[in-house]
Amino acid sequence: MSAMPFDTHAFYVELVESGLAEKTAEALTKAVTKIELAKLEELATKRDVKEIELKIELVKSELKRDIAENKAELIRWVVGVGLLQLTIITALLLKLTAHI
């Protein structure tokens, strides 16, 4: 999408032809021009968009790596706790059968 250029001369002529004094038309044209230029400064360029896309991709890859690391750590904990439970249950069964 491209921005429509602001024709300052046509704007000035239109103001003067509508009955505004030339100095007033000139002041209004300058003010509107400043506003339009300020708006243009806020627009993102294709380069800006590409930089943001690259940053997003970087963050996504970092998140995927972090998720994989956390998943592996969670699996280690689950296996460890499972082995601990198995050990405790086995010890309790051995202790109970020793008294029989």
PDB file of N, CA and C in Angstrom:
ATOM      1  N   MET A   1       0.849  -1.162   0.000  1.00  0.00           N
ATOM      2  CA  MET A   1       0.000   0.000   0.000  1.00  0.00           C
ATOM      3  C   MET A   1       0.902   1.234   0.000  1.00  0.00           C
ATOM      4  N   SER A   2       0.678   2.163  -0.928  1.00  0.00           N
ATOM      5  CA  SER A   2       1.506   3.355  -0.984  1.00  0.00           C
ATOM      6  C   SER A   2       0.717   4.555  -0.484  1.00  0.00           C
ATOM      7  N   ALA A   3       1.438   5.497   0.106  1.00  0.00           N
ATOM      8  CA  ALA A   3       0.801   6.688   0.646  1.00  0.00           C
ATOM      9  C   ALA A   3       0.604   7.702  -0.474  1.00  0.00           C
ATOM     10  N   MET A   4      -0.510   8.407  -0.438  1.00  0.00           N
ATOM     11  CA  MET A   4      -0.807   9.432  -1.432  1.00  0.00           C
ATOM     12  C   MET A   4       0.011  10.670  -1.092  1.00  0.00           C
ATOM     13  N   PRO A   5       0.787  11.202  -2.051  1.00  0.00           N
ATOM     14  CA  PRO A   5       1.588  12.387  -1.750  1.00  0.00           C
ATOM     15  C   PRO A   5       0.690  13.596  -1.500  1.00  0.00           C
ATOM     16  N   PHE A   6       1.116  14.454  -0.603  1.00  0.00           N
ATOM     17  CA  PHE A   6       0.364  15.660  -0.263  1.00  0.00           C
ATOM     18  C   PHE A   6       0.834  16.793  -1.161  1.00  0.00           C
ATOM     19  N   ASP A   7      -0.075  17.327  -1.975  1.00  0.00           N
ATOM     20  CA  ASP A   7       0.247  18.408  -2.913  1.00  0.00           C
ATOM     21  C   ASP A   7       0.041  19.741  -2.196  1.00  0.00           C
ATOM     22  N   THR A   8       1.132  20.306  -1.701  1.00  0.00           N
ATOM     23  CA  THR A   8       1.040  21.544  -0.921  1.00  0.00           C
ATOM     24  C   THR A   8       0.590  22.725  -1.774  1.00  0.00           C
ATOM     25  N   HIS A   9       1.054  22.768  -3.012  1.00  0.00           N
ATOM     26  CA  HIS A   9       0.677  23.892  -3.883  1.00  0.00           C
ATOM     27  C   HIS A   9      -0.823  23.864  -4.169  1.00  0.00           C
ATOM     28  N   ALA A  10      -1.351  22.682  -4.500  1.00  0.00           N
ATOM     29  CA  ALA A  10      -2.787  22.571  -4.783  1.00  0.00           C
ATOM     30  C   ALA A  10      -3.595  22.927  -3.541  1.00  0.00           C
ATOM     31  N   PHE A  11      -3.111  22.525  -2.380  1.00  0.00           N
ATOM     32  CA  PHE A  11      -3.793  22.848  -1.131  1.00  0.00           C
ATOM     33  C   PHE A  11      -3.813  24.362  -0.909  1.00  0.00           C
ATOM     34  N   TYR A  12      -2.656  24.999  -1.117  1.00  0.00           N
ATOM     35  CA  TYR A  12      -2.532  26.453  -0.952  1.00  0.00           C
ATOM     36  C   TYR A  12      -3.465  27.181  -1.917  1.00  0.00           C
ATOM     37  N   VAL A  13      -3.445  26.771  -3.186  1.00  0.00           N
ATOM     38  CA  VAL A  13      -4.293  27.414  -4.203  1.00  0.00           C
ATOM     39  C   VAL A  13      -5.762  27.260  -3.840  1.00  0.00           C
ATOM     40  N   GLU A  14      -6.142  26.082  -3.388  1.00  0.00           N
ATOM     41  CA  GLU A  14      -7.539  25.849  -3.013  1.00  0.00           C
ATOM     42  C   GLU A  14      -7.953  26.747  -1.860  1.00  0.00           C
ATOM     43  N   LEU A  15      -7.066  26.915  -0.880  1.00  0.00           N
ATOM     44  CA  LEU A  15      -7.386  27.803   0.251  1.00  0.00           C
ATOM     45  C   LEU A  15      -7.544  29.244  -0.201  1.00  0.00           C
ATOM     46  N   VAL A  16      -6.628  29.711  -1.054  1.00  0.00           N
ATOM     47  CA  VAL A  16      -6.686  31.098  -1.531  1.00  0.00           C
ATOM     48  C   VAL A  16      -7.930  31.297  -2.390  1.00  0.00           C
ATOM     49  N   GLU A  17      -8.230  30.343  -3.255  1.00  0.00           N
ATOM     50  CA  GLU A  17      -9.415  30.479  -4.120  1.00  0.00           C
ATOM     51  C   GLU A  17     -10.705  30.420  -3.327  1.00  0.00           C
ATOM     52  N   SER A  18     -10.676  29.816  -2.136  1.00  0.00           N
ATOM     53  CA  SER A  18     -11.892  29.766  -1.323  1.00  0.00           C
ATOM     54  C   SER A  18     -12.078  31.035  -0.490  1.00  0.00           C
ATOM     55  N   GLY A  19     -11.113  31.982  -0.626  1.00  0.00           N
ATOM     56  CA  GLY A  19     -11.291  33.268   0.027  1.00  0.00           C
ATOM     57  C   GLY A  19     -10.375  33.527   1.203  1.00  0.00           C
ATOM     58  N   LEU A  20      -9.492  32.610   1.533  1.00  0.00           N
ATOM     59  CA  LEU A  20      -8.566  32.820   2.642  1.00  0.00           C
ATOM     60  C   LEU A  20      -7.457  33.775   2.208  1.00  0.00           C
ATOM     61  N   ALA A  21      -6.963  34.548   3.141  1.00  0.00           N
ATOM     62  CA  ALA A  21      -5.844  35.446   2.845  1.00  0.00           C
ATOM     63  C   ALA A  21      -4.611  34.600   2.540  1.00  0.00           C
ATOM     64  N   GLU A  22      -3.734  35.125   1.702  1.00  0.00           N
ATOM     65  CA  GLU A  22      -2.554  34.360   1.274  1.00  0.00           C
ATOM     66  C   GLU A  22      -1.677  33.960   2.461  1.00  0.00           C
ATOM     67  N   LYS A  23      -1.502  34.884   3.413  1.00  0.00           N
ATOM     68  CA  LYS A  23      -0.668  34.570   4.578  1.00  0.00           C
ATOM     69  C   LYS A  23      -1.299  33.452   5.411  1.00  0.00           C
ATOM     70  N   THR A  24      -2.610  33.492   5.566  1.00  0.00           N
ATOM     71  CA  THR A  24      -3.315  32.456   6.324  1.00  0.00           C
ATOM     72  C   THR A  24      -3.211  31.121   5.590  1.00  0.00           C
ATOM     73  N   ALA A  25      -3.400  31.146   4.273  1.00  0.00           N
ATOM     74  CA  ALA A  25      -3.299  29.923   3.470  1.00  0.00           C
ATOM     75  C   ALA A  25      -1.894  29.348   3.557  1.00  0.00           C
ATOM     76  N   GLU A  26      -0.893  30.233   3.541  1.00  0.00           N
ATOM     77  CA  GLU A  26       0.501  29.774   3.632  1.00  0.00           C
ATOM     78  C   GLU A  26       0.770  29.140   5.002  1.00  0.00           C
ATOM     79  N   ALA A  27       0.277  29.767   6.065  1.00  0.00           N
ATOM     80  CA  ALA A  27       0.471  29.233   7.415  1.00  0.00           C
ATOM     81  C   ALA A  27      -0.224  27.880   7.571  1.00  0.00           C
ATOM     82  N   LEU A  28      -1.435  27.780   7.064  1.00  0.00           N
ATOM     83  CA  LEU A  28      -2.158  26.509   7.140  1.00  0.00           C
ATOM     84  C   LEU A  28      -1.451  25.424   6.333  1.00  0.00           C
ATOM     85  N   THR A  29      -0.943  25.791   5.168  1.00  0.00           N
ATOM     86  CA  THR A  29      -0.227  24.823   4.334  1.00  0.00           C
ATOM     87  C   THR A  29       1.011  24.316   5.050  1.00  0.00           C
ATOM     88  N   LYS A  30       1.753  25.213   5.698  1.00  0.00           N
ATOM     89  CA  LYS A  30       2.945  24.788   6.451  1.00  0.00           C
ATOM     90  C   LYS A  30       2.565  23.875   7.610  1.00  0.00           C
ATOM     91  N   ALA A  31       1.501  24.221   8.320  1.00  0.00           N
ATOM     92  CA  ALA A  31       1.078  23.403   9.463  1.00  0.00           C
ATOM     93  C   ALA A  31       0.646  22.013   9.013  1.00  0.00           C
ATOM     94  N   VAL A  32      -0.142  21.944   7.955  1.00  0.00           N
ATOM     95  CA  VAL A  32      -0.612  20.651   7.462  1.00  0.00           C
ATOM     96  C   VAL A  32       0.574  19.837   6.930  1.00  0.00           C
ATOM     97  N   THR A  33       1.525  20.505   6.288  1.00  0.00           N
ATOM     98  CA  THR A  33       2.712  19.818   5.782  1.00  0.00           C
ATOM     99  C   THR A  33       3.499  19.190   6.929  1.00  0.00           C
ATOM    100  N   LYS A  34       3.662  19.932   8.021  1.00  0.00           N
ATOM    101  CA  LYS A  34       4.367  19.388   9.189  1.00  0.00           C
ATOM    102  C   LYS A  34       3.640  18.159   9.739  1.00  0.00           C
ATOM    103  N   ILE A  35       2.321  18.231   9.788  1.00  0.00           N
ATOM    104  CA  ILE A  35       1.530  17.105  10.293  1.00  0.00           C
ATOM    105  C   ILE A  35       1.700  15.892   9.381  1.00  0.00           C
ATOM    106  N   GLU A  36       1.633  16.111   8.074  1.00  0.00           N
ATOM    107  CA  GLU A  36       1.782  15.010   7.121  1.00  0.00           C
ATOM    108  C   GLU A  36       3.180  14.397   7.209  1.00  0.00           C
ATOM    109  N   LEU A  37       4.200  15.221   7.365  1.00  0.00           N
ATOM    110  CA  LEU A  37       5.566  14.705   7.494  1.00  0.00           C
ATOM    111  C   LEU A  37       5.722  13.898   8.781  1.00  0.00           C
ATOM    112  N   ALA A  38       5.089  14.359   9.849  1.00  0.00           N
ATOM    113  CA  ALA A  38       5.148  13.617  11.115  1.00  0.00           C
ATOM    114  C   ALA A  38       4.477  12.250  10.958  1.00  0.00           C
ATOM    115  N   LYS A  39       3.377  12.207  10.207  1.00  0.00           N
ATOM    116  CA  LYS A  39       2.703  10.930   9.967  1.00  0.00           C
ATOM    117  C   LYS A  39       3.609   9.983   9.187  1.00  0.00           C
ATOM    118  N   LEU A  40       4.307  10.531   8.182  1.00  0.00           N
ATOM    119  CA  LEU A  40       5.182   9.696   7.366  1.00  0.00           C
ATOM    120  C   LEU A  40       6.337   9.115   8.174  1.00  0.00           C
ATOM    121  N   GLU A  41       6.800   9.858   9.164  1.00  0.00           N
ATOM    122  CA  GLU A  41       7.896   9.368  10.001  1.00  0.00           C
ATOM    123  C   GLU A  41       7.469   8.164  10.832  1.00  0.00           C
ATOM    124  N   GLU A  42       6.177   8.050  11.105  1.00  0.00           N
ATOM    125  CA  GLU A  42       5.656   6.950  11.914  1.00  0.00           C
ATOM    126  C   GLU A  42       5.458   5.662  11.114  1.00  0.00           C
ATOM    127  N   LEU A  43       5.479   5.758   9.790  1.00  0.00           N
ATOM    128  CA  LEU A  43       5.245   4.576   8.963  1.00  0.00           C
ATOM    129  C   LEU A  43       6.448   3.646   9.002  1.00  0.00           C
ATOM    130  N   ALA A  44       6.165   2.366   8.978  1.00  0.00           N
ATOM    131  CA  ALA A  44       7.231   1.367   8.929  1.00  0.00           C
ATOM    132  C   ALA A  44       7.623   1.126   7.469  1.00  0.00           C
ATOM    133  N   THR A  45       8.915   1.011   7.252  1.00  0.00           N
ATOM    134  CA  THR A  45       9.393   0.703   5.911  1.00  0.00           C
ATOM    135  C   THR A  45       9.455  -0.807   5.738  1.00  0.00           C
ATOM    136  N   LYS A  46       9.680  -1.244   4.506  1.00  0.00           N
ATOM    137  CA  LYS A  46       9.822  -2.680   4.257  1.00  0.00           C
ATOM    138  C   LYS A  46      10.995  -3.233   5.060  1.00  0.00           C
ATOM    139  N   ARG A  47      12.035  -2.431   5.189  1.00  0.00           N
ATOM    140  CA  ARG A  47      13.205  -2.859   5.964  1.00  0.00           C
ATOM    141  C   ARG A  47      12.831  -3.035   7.437  1.00  0.00           C
ATOM    142  N   ASP A  48      12.045  -2.100   7.978  1.00  0.00           N
ATOM    143  CA  ASP A  48      11.591  -2.206   9.371  1.00  0.00           C
ATOM    144  C   ASP A  48      10.794  -3.487   9.584  1.00  0.00           C
ATOM    145  N   VAL A  49       9.891  -3.767   8.649  1.00  0.00           N
ATOM    146  CA  VAL A  49       9.063  -4.965   8.749  1.00  0.00           C
ATOM    147  C   VAL A  49       9.935  -6.214   8.683  1.00  0.00           C
ATOM    148  N   LYS A  50      10.919  -6.218   7.785  1.00  0.00           N
ATOM    149  CA  LYS A  50      11.806  -7.377   7.640  1.00  0.00           C
ATOM    150  C   LYS A  50      12.613  -7.586   8.931  1.00  0.00           C
ATOM    151  N   GLU A  51      13.093  -6.503   9.537  1.00  0.00           N
ATOM    152  CA  GLU A  51      13.844  -6.615  10.797  1.00  0.00           C
ATOM    153  C   GLU A  51      12.972  -7.217  11.892  1.00  0.00           C
ATOM    154  N   ILE A  52      11.733  -6.780  11.979  1.00  0.00           N
ATOM    155  CA  ILE A  52      10.814  -7.311  12.987  1.00  0.00           C
ATOM    156  C   ILE A  52      10.549  -8.788  12.723  1.00  0.00           C
ATOM    157  N   GLU A  53      10.353  -9.147  11.462  1.00  0.00           N
ATOM    158  CA  GLU A  53      10.125 -10.556  11.125  1.00  0.00           C
ATOM    159  C   GLU A  53      11.315 -11.413  11.541  1.00  0.00           C
ATOM    160  N   LEU A  54      12.531 -10.907  11.303  1.00  0.00           N
ATOM    161  CA  LEU A  54      13.729 -11.652  11.693  1.00  0.00           C
ATOM    162  C   LEU A  54      13.820 -11.800  13.211  1.00  0.00           C
ATOM    163  N   LYS A  55      13.478 -10.742  13.931  1.00  0.00           N
ATOM    164  CA  LYS A  55      13.493 -10.813  15.392  1.00  0.00           C
ATOM    165  C   LYS A  55      12.462 -11.824  15.895  1.00  0.00           C
ATOM    166  N   ILE A  56      11.293 -11.839  15.268  1.00  0.00           N
ATOM    167  CA  ILE A  56      10.249 -12.789  15.663  1.00  0.00           C
ATOM    168  C   ILE A  56      10.728 -14.215  15.432  1.00  0.00           C
ATOM    169  N   GLU A  57      11.366 -14.461  14.292  1.00  0.00           N
ATOM    170  CA  GLU A  57      11.885 -15.800  13.998  1.00  0.00           C
ATOM    171  C   GLU A  57      12.944 -16.214  15.016  1.00  0.00           C
ATOM    172  N   LEU A  58      13.793 -15.267  15.400  1.00  0.00           N
ATOM    173  CA  LEU A  58      14.821 -15.556  16.399  1.00  0.00           C
ATOM    174  C   LEU A  58      14.190 -15.925  17.732  1.00  0.00           C
ATOM    175  N   VAL A  59      13.206 -15.156  18.149  1.00  0.00           N
ATOM    176  CA  VAL A  59      12.519 -15.437  19.418  1.00  0.00           C
ATOM    177  C   VAL A  59      11.801 -16.785  19.352  1.00  0.00           C
ATOM    178  N   LYS A  60      11.169 -17.076  18.206  1.00  0.00           N
ATOM    179  CA  LYS A  60      10.492 -18.370  18.061  1.00  0.00           C
ATOM    180  C   LYS A  60      11.476 -19.529  18.198  1.00  0.00           C
ATOM    181  N   SER A  61      12.642 -19.398  17.564  1.00  0.00           N
ATOM    182  CA  SER A  61      13.616 -20.493  17.654  1.00  0.00           C
ATOM    183  C   SER A  61      14.146 -20.629  19.083  1.00  0.00           C
ATOM    184  N   GLU A  62      14.346 -19.509  19.772  1.00  0.00           N
ATOM    185  CA  GLU A  62      14.778 -19.567  21.169  1.00  0.00           C
ATOM    186  C   GLU A  62      13.715 -20.233  22.039  1.00  0.00           C
ATOM    187  N   LEU A  63      12.455 -19.903  21.796  1.00  0.00           N
ATOM    188  CA  LEU A  63      11.365 -20.509  22.565  1.00  0.00           C
ATOM    189  C   LEU A  63      11.282 -22.010  22.317  1.00  0.00           C
ATOM    190  N   LYS A  64      11.429 -22.413  21.061  1.00  0.00           N
ATOM    191  CA  LYS A  64      11.396 -23.842  20.744  1.00  0.00           C
ATOM    192  C   LYS A  64      12.529 -24.575  21.455  1.00  0.00           C
ATOM    193  N   ARG A  65      13.716 -23.962  21.480  1.00  0.00           N
ATOM    194  CA  ARG A  65      14.852 -24.578  22.166  1.00  0.00           C
ATOM    195  C   ARG A  65      14.576 -24.686  23.665  1.00  0.00           C
ATOM    196  N   ASP A  66      14.059 -23.612  24.246  1.00  0.00           N
ATOM    197  CA  ASP A  66      13.749 -23.628  25.684  1.00  0.00           C
ATOM    198  C   ASP A  66      12.683 -24.679  26.019  1.00  0.00           C
ATOM    199  N   ILE A  67      11.679 -24.789  25.172  1.00  0.00           N
ATOM    200  CA  ILE A  67      10.628 -25.781  25.404  1.00  0.00           C
ATOM    201  C   ILE A  67      11.209 -27.184  25.348  1.00  0.00           C
ATOM    202  N   ALA A  68      12.074 -27.439  24.369  1.00  0.00           N
ATOM    203  CA  ALA A  68      12.698 -28.767  24.249  1.00  0.00           C
ATOM    204  C   ALA A  68      13.549 -29.079  25.478  1.00  0.00           C
ATOM    205  N   GLU A  69      14.304 -28.081  25.964  1.00  0.00           N
ATOM    206  CA  GLU A  69      15.127 -28.287  27.165  1.00  0.00           C
ATOM    207  C   GLU A  69      14.251 -28.578  28.377  1.00  0.00           C
ATOM    208  N   ASN A  70      13.171 -27.823  28.531  1.00  0.00           N
ATOM    209  CA  ASN A  70      12.279 -28.035  29.676  1.00  0.00           C
ATOM    210  C   ASN A  70      11.581 -29.383  29.588  1.00  0.00           C
ATOM    211  N   LYS A  71      11.225 -29.789  28.384  1.00  0.00           N
ATOM    212  CA  LYS A  71      10.589 -31.091  28.199  1.00  0.00           C
ATOM    213  C   LYS A  71      11.537 -32.215  28.613  1.00  0.00           C
ATOM    214  N   ALA A  72      12.803 -32.114  28.190  1.00  0.00           N
ATOM    215  CA  ALA A  72      13.790 -33.133  28.548  1.00  0.00           C
ATOM    216  C   ALA A  72      14.006 -33.169  30.062  1.00  0.00           C
ATOM    217  N   GLU A  73      14.061 -32.001  30.679  1.00  0.00           N
ATOM    218  CA  GLU A  73      14.251 -31.950  32.136  1.00  0.00           C
ATOM    219  C   GLU A  73      13.038 -32.534  32.856  1.00  0.00           C
ATOM    220  N   LEU A  74      11.849 -32.239  32.364  1.00  0.00           N
ATOM    221  CA  LEU A  74      10.640 -32.786  32.972  1.00  0.00           C
ATOM    222  C   LEU A  74      10.615 -34.314  32.858  1.00  0.00           C
ATOM    223  N   ILE A  75      11.020 -34.841  31.717  1.00  0.00           N
ATOM    224  CA  ILE A  75      11.074 -36.299  31.544  1.00  0.00           C
ATOM    225  C   ILE A  75      12.064 -36.912  32.528  1.00  0.00           C
ATOM    226  N   ARG A  76      13.224 -36.269  32.704  1.00  0.00           N
ATOM    227  CA  ARG A  76      14.209 -36.782  33.673  1.00  0.00           C
ATOM    228  C   ARG A  76      13.618 -36.812  35.078  1.00  0.00           C
ATOM    229  N   TRP A  77      12.908 -35.780  35.470  1.00  0.00           N
ATOM    230  CA  TRP A  77      12.295 -35.732  36.796  1.00  0.00           C
ATOM    231  C   TRP A  77      11.229 -36.820  36.952  1.00  0.00           C
ATOM    232  N   VAL A  78      10.396 -36.984  35.932  1.00  0.00           N
ATOM    233  CA  VAL A  78       9.334 -37.992  36.012  1.00  0.00           C
ATOM    234  C   VAL A  78       9.940 -39.384  36.146  1.00  0.00           C
ATOM    235  N   VAL A  79      10.963 -39.682  35.348  1.00  0.00           N
ATOM    236  CA  VAL A  79      11.620 -40.993  35.432  1.00  0.00           C
ATOM    237  C   VAL A  79      12.286 -41.160  36.799  1.00  0.00           C
ATOM    238  N   GLY A  80      12.943 -40.117  37.272  1.00  0.00           N
ATOM    239  CA  GLY A  80      13.600 -40.179  38.580  1.00  0.00           C
ATOM    240  C   GLY A  80      12.619 -40.423  39.704  1.00  0.00           C
ATOM    241  N   VAL A  81      11.498 -39.703  39.689  1.00  0.00           N
ATOM    242  CA  VAL A  81      10.487 -39.880  40.737  1.00  0.00           C
ATOM    243  C   VAL A  81       9.870 -41.269  40.628  1.00  0.00           C
ATOM    244  N   GLY A  82       9.650 -41.733  39.400  1.00  0.00           N
ATOM    245  CA  GLY A  82       9.109 -43.086  39.212  1.00  0.00           C
ATOM    246  C   GLY A  82      10.042 -44.137  39.784  1.00  0.00           C
ATOM    247  N   LEU A  83      11.348 -44.008  39.525  1.00  0.00           N
ATOM    248  CA  LEU A  83      12.322 -44.948  40.091  1.00  0.00           C
ATOM    249  C   LEU A  83      12.366 -44.865  41.611  1.00  0.00           C
ATOM    250  N   LEU A  84      12.250 -43.655  42.134  1.00  0.00           N
ATOM    251  CA  LEU A  84      12.232 -43.481  43.583  1.00  0.00           C
ATOM    252  C   LEU A  84      11.001 -44.173  44.185  1.00  0.00           C
ATOM    253  N   GLN A  85       9.850 -44.003  43.573  1.00  0.00           N
ATOM    254  CA  GLN A  85       8.639 -44.668  44.058  1.00  0.00           C
ATOM    255  C   GLN A  85       8.793 -46.189  44.002  1.00  0.00           C
ATOM    256  N   LEU A  86       9.349 -46.672  42.903  1.00  0.00           N
ATOM    257  CA  LEU A  86       9.559 -48.111  42.761  1.00  0.00           C
ATOM    258  C   LEU A  86      10.491 -48.629  43.853  1.00  0.00           C
ATOM    259  N   THR A  87      11.538 -47.882  44.130  1.00  0.00           N
ATOM    260  CA  THR A  87      12.482 -48.274  45.177  1.00  0.00           C
ATOM    261  C   THR A  87      11.806 -48.300  46.541  1.00  0.00           C
ATOM    262  N   ILE A  88      11.028 -47.287  46.846  1.00  0.00           N
ATOM    263  CA  ILE A  88      10.344 -47.218  48.144  1.00  0.00           C
ATOM    264  C   ILE A  88       9.333 -48.354  48.282  1.00  0.00           C
ATOM    265  N   ILE A  89       8.556 -48.601  47.246  1.00  0.00           N
ATOM    266  CA  ILE A  89       7.562 -49.686  47.291  1.00  0.00           C
ATOM    267  C   ILE A  89       8.254 -51.036  47.460  1.00  0.00           C
ATOM    268  N   THR A  90       9.356 -51.247  46.728  1.00  0.00           N
ATOM    269  CA  THR A  90      10.096 -52.502  46.852  1.00  0.00           C
ATOM    270  C   THR A  90      10.651 -52.664  48.257  1.00  0.00           C
ATOM    271  N   ALA A  91      11.204 -51.627  48.823  1.00  0.00           N
ATOM    272  CA  ALA A  91      11.749 -51.690  50.176  1.00  0.00           C
ATOM    273  C   ALA A  91      10.654 -51.995  51.192  1.00  0.00           C
ATOM    274  N   LEU A  92       9.506 -51.365  51.034  1.00  0.00           N
ATOM    275  CA  LEU A  92       8.390 -51.631  51.958  1.00  0.00           C
ATOM    276  C   LEU A  92       7.890 -53.072  51.837  1.00  0.00           C
ATOM    277  N   LEU A  93       7.814 -53.581  50.601  1.00  0.00           N
ATOM    278  CA  LEU A  93       7.380 -54.966  50.412  1.00  0.00           C
ATOM    279  C   LEU A  93       8.383 -55.948  51.020  1.00  0.00           C
ATOM    280  N   LEU A  94       9.667 -55.669  50.833  1.00  0.00           N
ATOM    281  CA  LEU A  94      10.692 -56.538  51.419  1.00  0.00           C
ATOM    282  C   LEU A  94      10.634 -56.510  52.941  1.00  0.00           C
ATOM    283  N   LYS A  95      10.387 -55.342  53.483  1.00  0.00           N
ATOM    284  CA  LYS A  95      10.310 -55.232  54.938  1.00  0.00           C
ATOM    285  C   LYS A  95       9.075 -55.968  55.469  1.00  0.00           C
ATOM    286  N   LEU A  96       7.956 -55.813  54.757  1.00  0.00           N
ATOM    287  CA  LEU A  96       6.731 -56.497  55.184  1.00  0.00           C
ATOM    288  C   LEU A  96       6.854 -58.013  55.033  1.00  0.00           C
ATOM    289  N   THR A  97       7.440 -58.512  53.987  1.00  0.00           N
ATOM    290  CA  THR A  97       7.580 -59.946  53.795  1.00  0.00           C
ATOM    291  C   THR A  97       8.638 -60.541  54.726  1.00  0.00           C
ATOM    292  N   ALA A  98       9.544 -59.749  55.208  1.00  0.00           N
ATOM    293  CA  ALA A  98      10.564 -60.240  56.138  1.00  0.00           C
ATOM    294  C   ALA A  98       9.923 -60.580  57.479  1.00  0.00           C
ATOM    295  N   HIS A  99       8.843 -59.916  57.851  1.00  0.00           N
ATOM    296  CA  HIS A  99       8.174 -60.155  59.129  1.00  0.00           C
ATOM    297  C   HIS A  99       7.186 -61.327  59.053  1.00  0.00           C
ATOM    298  N   ILE A 100       6.918 -61.828  57.913  1.00  0.00           N
ATOM    299  CA  ILE A 100       5.923 -62.905  57.782  1.00  0.00           C
ATOM    300  C   ILE A 100       6.553 -64.249  57.993  1.00  0.00           C
TER     301      ILE A 100
END
